[in-house]
Amino acid sequence: MAALFAALAPLAGLASAEAGVVAAVFARISGLVFLLPGIGEQAVSVRVRLAVAIAMTLVIYPAVRTDELLDGS
């Protein structure tokens, strides 16, 4: 367990503004993924839909991230 915390320690240094932007992107993407035809069906596991939402967030976030968002101006 200590190794896991040691591996995740660099992530704890994220600025709160950046974490907020990631959360906002994830919220919009997850809502979209959960309503998509095919992926949003009950036959598809919630874990699969969550994994798709996280993967799409990781792909889209760098395009959304700008210094203006993080500066708060």
PDB file of N, CA and C in Angstrom:
ATOM      1  N   MET A   1       0.822  -1.186   0.000  1.00  0.00           N
ATOM      2  CA  MET A   1       0.000   0.000   0.000  1.00  0.00           C
ATOM      3  C   MET A   1       0.869   1.252   0.000  1.00  0.00           C
ATOM      4  N   ALA A   2       2.002   1.179   0.693  1.00  0.00           N
ATOM      5  CA  ALA A   2       2.902   2.326   0.751  1.00  0.00           C
ATOM      6  C   ALA A   2       3.474   2.635  -0.628  1.00  0.00           C
ATOM      7  N   ALA A   3       3.696   1.588  -1.413  1.00  0.00           N
ATOM      8  CA  ALA A   3       4.216   1.797  -2.766  1.00  0.00           C
ATOM      9  C   ALA A   3       3.198   2.529  -3.631  1.00  0.00           C
ATOM     10  N   LEU A   4       1.927   2.221  -3.439  1.00  0.00           N
ATOM     11  CA  LEU A   4       0.880   2.899  -4.183  1.00  0.00           C
ATOM     12  C   LEU A   4       0.837   4.381  -3.838  1.00  0.00           C
ATOM     13  N   PHE A   5       0.913   4.689  -2.544  1.00  0.00           N
ATOM     14  CA  PHE A   5       0.921   6.092  -2.125  1.00  0.00           C
ATOM     15  C   PHE A   5       2.152   6.821  -2.629  1.00  0.00           C
ATOM     16  N   ALA A   6       3.287   6.142  -2.655  1.00  0.00           N
ATOM     17  CA  ALA A   6       4.513   6.755  -3.169  1.00  0.00           C
ATOM     18  C   ALA A   6       4.397   7.030  -4.662  1.00  0.00           C
ATOM     19  N   ALA A   7       3.737   6.135  -5.383  1.00  0.00           N
ATOM     20  CA  ALA A   7       3.563   6.329  -6.822  1.00  0.00           C
ATOM     21  C   ALA A   7       2.583   7.459  -7.127  1.00  0.00           C
ATOM     22  N   LEU A   8       1.593   7.648  -6.257  1.00  0.00           N
ATOM     23  CA  LEU A   8       0.584   8.680  -6.476  1.00  0.00           C
ATOM     24  C   LEU A   8       0.967  10.034  -5.893  1.00  0.00           C
ATOM     25  N   ALA A   9       2.053  10.105  -5.161  1.00  0.00           N
ATOM     26  CA  ALA A   9       2.469  11.353  -4.515  1.00  0.00           C
ATOM     27  C   ALA A   9       2.652  12.507  -5.495  1.00  0.00           C
ATOM     28  N   PRO A  10       3.252  12.310  -6.681  1.00  0.00           N
ATOM     29  CA  PRO A  10       3.388  13.448  -7.609  1.00  0.00           C
ATOM     30  C   PRO A  10       2.048  14.024  -8.066  1.00  0.00           C
ATOM     31  N   LEU A  11       1.019  13.196  -8.101  1.00  0.00           N
ATOM     32  CA  LEU A  11      -0.296  13.682  -8.519  1.00  0.00           C
ATOM     33  C   LEU A  11      -0.921  14.599  -7.478  1.00  0.00           C
ATOM     34  N   ALA A  12      -0.510  14.477  -6.232  1.00  0.00           N
ATOM     35  CA  ALA A  12      -1.062  15.309  -5.169  1.00  0.00           C
ATOM     36  C   ALA A  12      -0.657  16.760  -5.333  1.00  0.00           C
ATOM     37  N   GLY A  13       0.371  17.025  -6.124  1.00  0.00           N
ATOM     38  CA  GLY A  13       0.838  18.386  -6.326  1.00  0.00           C
ATOM     39  C   GLY A  13       0.046  19.157  -7.365  1.00  0.00           C
ATOM     40  N   LEU A  14      -1.009  18.586  -7.905  1.00  0.00           N
ATOM     41  CA  LEU A  14      -1.814  19.303  -8.897  1.00  0.00           C
ATOM     42  C   LEU A  14      -2.426  20.557  -8.279  1.00  0.00           C
ATOM     43  N   ALA A  15      -2.429  21.617  -9.032  1.00  0.00           N
ATOM     44  CA  ALA A  15      -3.073  22.837  -8.558  1.00  0.00           C
ATOM     45  C   ALA A  15      -4.580  22.614  -8.499  1.00  0.00           C
ATOM     46  N   SER A  16      -5.225  23.246  -7.554  1.00  0.00           N
ATOM     47  CA  SER A  16      -6.668  23.035  -7.406  1.00  0.00           C
ATOM     48  C   SER A  16      -7.436  23.537  -8.629  1.00  0.00           C
ATOM     49  N   ALA A  17      -6.932  24.573  -9.276  1.00  0.00           N
ATOM     50  CA  ALA A  17      -7.595  25.073 -10.478  1.00  0.00           C
ATOM     51  C   ALA A  17      -7.520  24.038 -11.599  1.00  0.00           C
ATOM     52  N   GLU A  18      -6.374  23.384 -11.719  1.00  0.00           N
ATOM     53  CA  GLU A  18      -6.226  22.373 -12.760  1.00  0.00           C
ATOM     54  C   GLU A  18      -7.125  21.176 -12.464  1.00  0.00           C
ATOM     55  N   ALA A  19      -7.207  20.798 -11.209  1.00  0.00           N
ATOM     56  CA  ALA A  19      -8.087  19.686 -10.826  1.00  0.00           C
ATOM     57  C   ALA A  19      -9.545  20.047 -11.113  1.00  0.00           C
ATOM     58  N   GLY A  20      -9.896  21.306 -10.916  1.00  0.00           N
ATOM     59  CA  GLY A  20     -11.253  21.748 -11.219  1.00  0.00           C
ATOM     60  C   GLY A  20     -11.569  21.674 -12.698  1.00  0.00           C
ATOM     61  N   VAL A  21     -10.585  22.022 -13.532  1.00  0.00           N
ATOM     62  CA  VAL A  21     -10.785  21.944 -14.981  1.00  0.00           C
ATOM     63  C   VAL A  21     -10.936  20.495 -15.409  1.00  0.00           C
ATOM     64  N   VAL A  22     -10.122  19.615 -14.858  1.00  0.00           N
ATOM     65  CA  VAL A  22     -10.231  18.185 -15.170  1.00  0.00           C
ATOM     66  C   VAL A  22     -11.597  17.663 -14.743  1.00  0.00           C
ATOM     67  N   ALA A  23     -12.058  18.065 -13.566  1.00  0.00           N
ATOM     68  CA  ALA A  23     -13.368  17.619 -13.084  1.00  0.00           C
ATOM     69  C   ALA A  23     -14.489  18.129 -13.989  1.00  0.00           C
ATOM     70  N   ALA A  24     -14.366  19.356 -14.456  1.00  0.00           N
ATOM     71  CA  ALA A  24     -15.394  19.907 -15.346  1.00  0.00           C
ATOM     72  C   ALA A  24     -15.422  19.164 -16.676  1.00  0.00           C
ATOM     73  N   VAL A  25     -14.249  18.882 -17.226  1.00  0.00           N
ATOM     74  CA  VAL A  25     -14.186  18.130 -18.487  1.00  0.00           C
ATOM     75  C   VAL A  25     -14.765  16.737 -18.279  1.00  0.00           C
ATOM     76  N   PHE A  26     -14.400  16.086 -17.174  1.00  0.00           N
ATOM     77  CA  PHE A  26     -14.916  14.744 -16.899  1.00  0.00           C
ATOM     78  C   PHE A  26     -16.433  14.753 -16.727  1.00  0.00           C
ATOM     79  N   ALA A  27     -16.962  15.758 -16.066  1.00  0.00           N
ATOM     80  CA  ALA A  27     -18.409  15.830 -15.854  1.00  0.00           C
ATOM     81  C   ALA A  27     -19.159  15.942 -17.183  1.00  0.00           C
ATOM     82  N   ARG A  28     -18.638  16.755 -18.069  1.00  0.00           N
ATOM     83  CA  ARG A  28     -19.312  16.912 -19.366  1.00  0.00           C
ATOM     84  C   ARG A  28     -19.178  15.656 -20.218  1.00  0.00           C
ATOM     85  N   ILE A  29     -17.993  15.074 -20.225  1.00  0.00           N
ATOM     86  CA  ILE A  29     -17.758  13.883 -21.041  1.00  0.00           C
ATOM     87  C   ILE A  29     -18.536  12.687 -20.493  1.00  0.00           C
ATOM     88  N   SER A  30     -18.569  12.522 -19.169  1.00  0.00           N
ATOM     89  CA  SER A  30     -19.267  11.367 -18.609  1.00  0.00           C
ATOM     90  C   SER A  30     -20.772  11.451 -18.871  1.00  0.00           C
ATOM     91  N   GLY A  31     -21.323  12.640 -18.797  1.00  0.00           N
ATOM     92  CA  GLY A  31     -22.732  12.792 -19.131  1.00  0.00           C
ATOM     93  C   GLY A  31     -23.005  12.413 -20.574  1.00  0.00           C
ATOM     94  N   LEU A  32     -22.105  12.799 -21.445  1.00  0.00           N
ATOM     95  CA  LEU A  32     -22.245  12.463 -22.859  1.00  0.00           C
ATOM     96  C   LEU A  32     -22.116  10.961 -23.076  1.00  0.00           C
ATOM     97  N   VAL A  33     -21.123  10.345 -22.454  1.00  0.00           N
ATOM     98  CA  VAL A  33     -20.884   8.911 -22.638  1.00  0.00           C
ATOM     99  C   VAL A  33     -22.049   8.092 -22.108  1.00  0.00           C
ATOM    100  N   PHE A  34     -22.594   8.487 -20.959  1.00  0.00           N
ATOM    101  CA  PHE A  34     -23.668   7.706 -20.374  1.00  0.00           C
ATOM    102  C   PHE A  34     -24.966   7.829 -21.166  1.00  0.00           C
ATOM    103  N   LEU A  35     -25.068   8.813 -22.050  1.00  0.00           N
ATOM    104  CA  LEU A  35     -26.274   8.969 -22.866  1.00  0.00           C
ATOM    105  C   LEU A  35     -26.087   8.529 -24.311  1.00  0.00           C
ATOM    106  N   LEU A  36     -24.863   8.181 -24.694  1.00  0.00           N
ATOM    107  CA  LEU A  36     -24.599   7.765 -26.068  1.00  0.00           C
ATOM    108  C   LEU A  36     -25.335   6.469 -26.402  1.00  0.00           C
ATOM    109  N   PRO A  37     -25.919   6.408 -27.591  1.00  0.00           N
ATOM    110  CA  PRO A  37     -26.527   5.139 -28.001  1.00  0.00           C
ATOM    111  C   PRO A  37     -25.441   4.073 -28.140  1.00  0.00           C
ATOM    112  N   GLY A  38     -25.722   2.892 -27.699  1.00  0.00           N
ATOM    113  CA  GLY A  38     -24.748   1.805 -27.769  1.00  0.00           C
ATOM    114  C   GLY A  38     -23.951   1.691 -26.485  1.00  0.00           C
ATOM    115  N   ILE A  39     -23.271   2.732 -26.097  1.00  0.00           N
ATOM    116  CA  ILE A  39     -22.474   2.697 -24.865  1.00  0.00           C
ATOM    117  C   ILE A  39     -23.363   2.963 -23.658  1.00  0.00           C
ATOM    118  N   GLY A  40     -24.380   3.769 -23.817  1.00  0.00           N
ATOM    119  CA  GLY A  40     -25.241   4.127 -22.705  1.00  0.00           C
ATOM    120  C   GLY A  40     -26.316   3.115 -22.383  1.00  0.00           C
ATOM    121  N   GLU A  41     -26.352   2.007 -23.105  1.00  0.00           N
ATOM    122  CA  GLU A  41     -27.370   0.986 -22.870  1.00  0.00           C
ATOM    123  C   GLU A  41     -27.111   0.248 -21.566  1.00  0.00           C
ATOM    124  N   GLN A  42     -28.167  -0.357 -21.014  1.00  0.00           N
ATOM    125  CA  GLN A  42     -28.031  -1.107 -19.766  1.00  0.00           C
ATOM    126  C   GLN A  42     -27.204  -2.375 -19.944  1.00  0.00           C
ATOM    127  N   ALA A  43     -27.082  -2.857 -21.179  1.00  0.00           N
ATOM    128  CA  ALA A  43     -26.300  -4.063 -21.430  1.00  0.00           C
ATOM    129  C   ALA A  43     -24.802  -3.809 -21.231  1.00  0.00           C
ATOM    130  N   VAL A  44     -24.381  -2.554 -21.326  1.00  0.00           N
ATOM    131  CA  VAL A  44     -22.973  -2.200 -21.146  1.00  0.00           C
ATOM    132  C   VAL A  44     -22.746  -1.888 -19.673  1.00  0.00           C
ATOM    133  N   SER A  45     -21.728  -2.494 -19.117  1.00  0.00           N
ATOM    134  CA  SER A  45     -21.417  -2.326 -17.696  1.00  0.00           C
ATOM    135  C   SER A  45     -21.087  -0.870 -17.369  1.00  0.00           C
ATOM    136  N   VAL A  46     -21.409  -0.470 -16.149  1.00  0.00           N
ATOM    137  CA  VAL A  46     -21.092   0.878 -15.686  1.00  0.00           C
ATOM    138  C   VAL A  46     -19.582   1.077 -15.660  1.00  0.00           C
ATOM    139  N   ARG A  47     -18.850   0.041 -15.339  1.00  0.00           N
ATOM    140  CA  ARG A  47     -17.380   0.130 -15.326  1.00  0.00           C
ATOM    141  C   ARG A  47     -16.831   0.433 -16.710  1.00  0.00           C
ATOM    142  N   VAL A  48     -17.418  -0.181 -17.719  1.00  0.00           N
ATOM    143  CA  VAL A  48     -16.971   0.062 -19.094  1.00  0.00           C
ATOM    144  C   VAL A  48     -17.267   1.502 -19.480  1.00  0.00           C
ATOM    145  N   ARG A  49     -18.469   1.978 -19.152  1.00  0.00           N
ATOM    146  CA  ARG A  49     -18.821   3.361 -19.473  1.00  0.00           C
ATOM    147  C   ARG A  49     -17.928   4.348 -18.730  1.00  0.00           C
ATOM    148  N   LEU A  50     -17.616   4.039 -17.476  1.00  0.00           N
ATOM    149  CA  LEU A  50     -16.726   4.893 -16.700  1.00  0.00           C
ATOM    150  C   LEU A  50     -15.318   4.902 -17.298  1.00  0.00           C
ATOM    151  N   ALA A  51     -14.838   3.741 -17.728  1.00  0.00           N
ATOM    152  CA  ALA A  51     -13.517   3.664 -18.348  1.00  0.00           C
ATOM    153  C   ALA A  51     -13.471   4.463 -19.652  1.00  0.00           C
ATOM    154  N   VAL A  52     -14.539   4.402 -20.428  1.00  0.00           N
ATOM    155  CA  VAL A  52     -14.605   5.178 -21.670  1.00  0.00           C
ATOM    156  C   VAL A  52     -14.610   6.673 -21.359  1.00  0.00           C
ATOM    157  N   ALA A  53     -15.347   7.074 -20.336  1.00  0.00           N
ATOM    158  CA  ALA A  53     -15.401   8.485 -19.952  1.00  0.00           C
ATOM    159  C   ALA A  53     -14.041   8.982 -19.473  1.00  0.00           C
ATOM    160  N   ILE A  54     -13.350   8.179 -18.679  1.00  0.00           N
ATOM    161  CA  ILE A  54     -12.020   8.580 -18.201  1.00  0.00           C
ATOM    162  C   ILE A  54     -11.042   8.658 -19.361  1.00  0.00           C
ATOM    163  N   ALA A  55     -11.087   7.685 -20.260  1.00  0.00           N
ATOM    164  CA  ALA A  55     -10.181   7.692 -21.412  1.00  0.00           C
ATOM    165  C   ALA A  55     -10.436   8.913 -22.296  1.00  0.00           C
ATOM    166  N   MET A  56     -11.703   9.226 -22.539  1.00  0.00           N
ATOM    167  CA  MET A  56     -12.015  10.398 -23.363  1.00  0.00           C
ATOM    168  C   MET A  56     -11.593  11.689 -22.668  1.00  0.00           C
ATOM    169  N   THR A  57     -11.715  11.742 -21.336  1.00  0.00           N
ATOM    170  CA  THR A  57     -11.278  12.914 -20.588  1.00  0.00           C
ATOM    171  C   THR A  57      -9.777  13.107 -20.731  1.00  0.00           C
ATOM    172  N   LEU A  58      -9.021  12.019 -20.635  1.00  0.00           N
ATOM    173  CA  LEU A  58      -7.560  12.109 -20.768  1.00  0.00           C
ATOM    174  C   LEU A  58      -7.145  12.541 -22.165  1.00  0.00           C
ATOM    175  N   VAL A  59      -7.944  12.199 -23.171  1.00  0.00           N
ATOM    176  CA  VAL A  59      -7.632  12.601 -24.541  1.00  0.00           C
ATOM    177  C   VAL A  59      -8.018  14.056 -24.784  1.00  0.00           C
ATOM    178  N   ILE A  60      -9.155  14.486 -24.265  1.00  0.00           N
ATOM    179  CA  ILE A  60      -9.680  15.820 -24.553  1.00  0.00           C
ATOM    180  C   ILE A  60      -9.080  16.894 -23.654  1.00  0.00           C
ATOM    181  N   TYR A  61      -8.711  16.562 -22.426  1.00  0.00           N
ATOM    182  CA  TYR A  61      -8.218  17.567 -21.479  1.00  0.00           C
ATOM    183  C   TYR A  61      -7.047  18.396 -22.002  1.00  0.00           C
ATOM    184  N   PRO A  62      -6.022  17.807 -22.637  1.00  0.00           N
ATOM    185  CA  PRO A  62      -4.918  18.658 -23.127  1.00  0.00           C
ATOM    186  C   PRO A  62      -5.359  19.714 -24.143  1.00  0.00           C
ATOM    187  N   ALA A  63      -6.424  19.436 -24.890  1.00  0.00           N
ATOM    188  CA  ALA A  63      -6.918  20.421 -25.853  1.00  0.00           C
ATOM    189  C   ALA A  63      -7.643  21.562 -25.154  1.00  0.00           C
ATOM    190  N   VAL A  64      -8.234  21.284 -24.003  1.00  0.00           N
ATOM    191  CA  VAL A  64      -8.992  22.285 -23.262  1.00  0.00           C
ATOM    192  C   VAL A  64      -8.075  23.116 -22.364  1.00  0.00           C
ATOM    193  N   ARG A  65      -7.025  22.492 -21.868  1.00  0.00           N
ATOM    194  CA  ARG A  65      -6.135  23.137 -20.892  1.00  0.00           C
ATOM    195  C   ARG A  65      -5.424  24.328 -21.528  1.00  0.00           C
ATOM    196  N   THR A  66      -5.568  25.480 -20.911  1.00  0.00           N
ATOM    197  CA  THR A  66      -4.838  26.670 -21.319  1.00  0.00           C
ATOM    198  C   THR A  66      -4.313  27.373 -20.069  1.00  0.00           C
ATOM    199  N   ASP A  67      -3.306  28.194 -20.245  1.00  0.00           N
ATOM    200  CA  ASP A  67      -2.744  28.910 -19.108  1.00  0.00           C
ATOM    201  C   ASP A  67      -3.742  29.916 -18.545  1.00  0.00           C
ATOM    202  N   GLU A  68      -4.636  30.460 -19.370  1.00  0.00           N
ATOM    203  CA  GLU A  68      -5.622  31.417 -18.893  1.00  0.00           C
ATOM    204  C   GLU A  68      -6.574  30.754 -17.909  1.00  0.00           C
ATOM    205  N   LEU A  69      -6.940  29.498 -18.161  1.00  0.00           N
ATOM    206  CA  LEU A  69      -7.837  28.803 -17.248  1.00  0.00           C
ATOM    207  C   LEU A  69      -7.164  28.583 -15.886  1.00  0.00           C
ATOM    208  N   LEU A  70      -5.863  28.298 -15.926  1.00  0.00           N
ATOM    209  CA  LEU A  70      -5.162  28.002 -14.687  1.00  0.00           C
ATOM    210  C   LEU A  70      -4.772  29.267 -13.924  1.00  0.00           C
ATOM    211  N   ASP A  71      -4.618  30.402 -14.621  1.00  0.00           N
ATOM    212  CA  ASP A  71      -4.276  31.658 -13.952  1.00  0.00           C
ATOM    213  C   ASP A  71      -5.468  32.275 -13.243  1.00  0.00           C
ATOM    214  N   GLY A  72      -6.659  31.881 -13.653  1.00  0.00           N
ATOM    215  CA  GLY A  72      -7.857  32.426 -13.037  1.00  0.00           C
ATOM    216  C   GLY A  72      -8.235  33.796 -13.578  1.00  0.00           C
ATOM    217  N   SER A  73      -7.626  34.223 -14.690  1.00  0.00           N
ATOM    218  CA  SER A  73      -7.969  35.530 -15.260  1.00  0.00           C
ATOM    219  C   SER A  73      -8.998  35.416 -16.343  1.00  0.00           C
TER     220      SER A  73
END
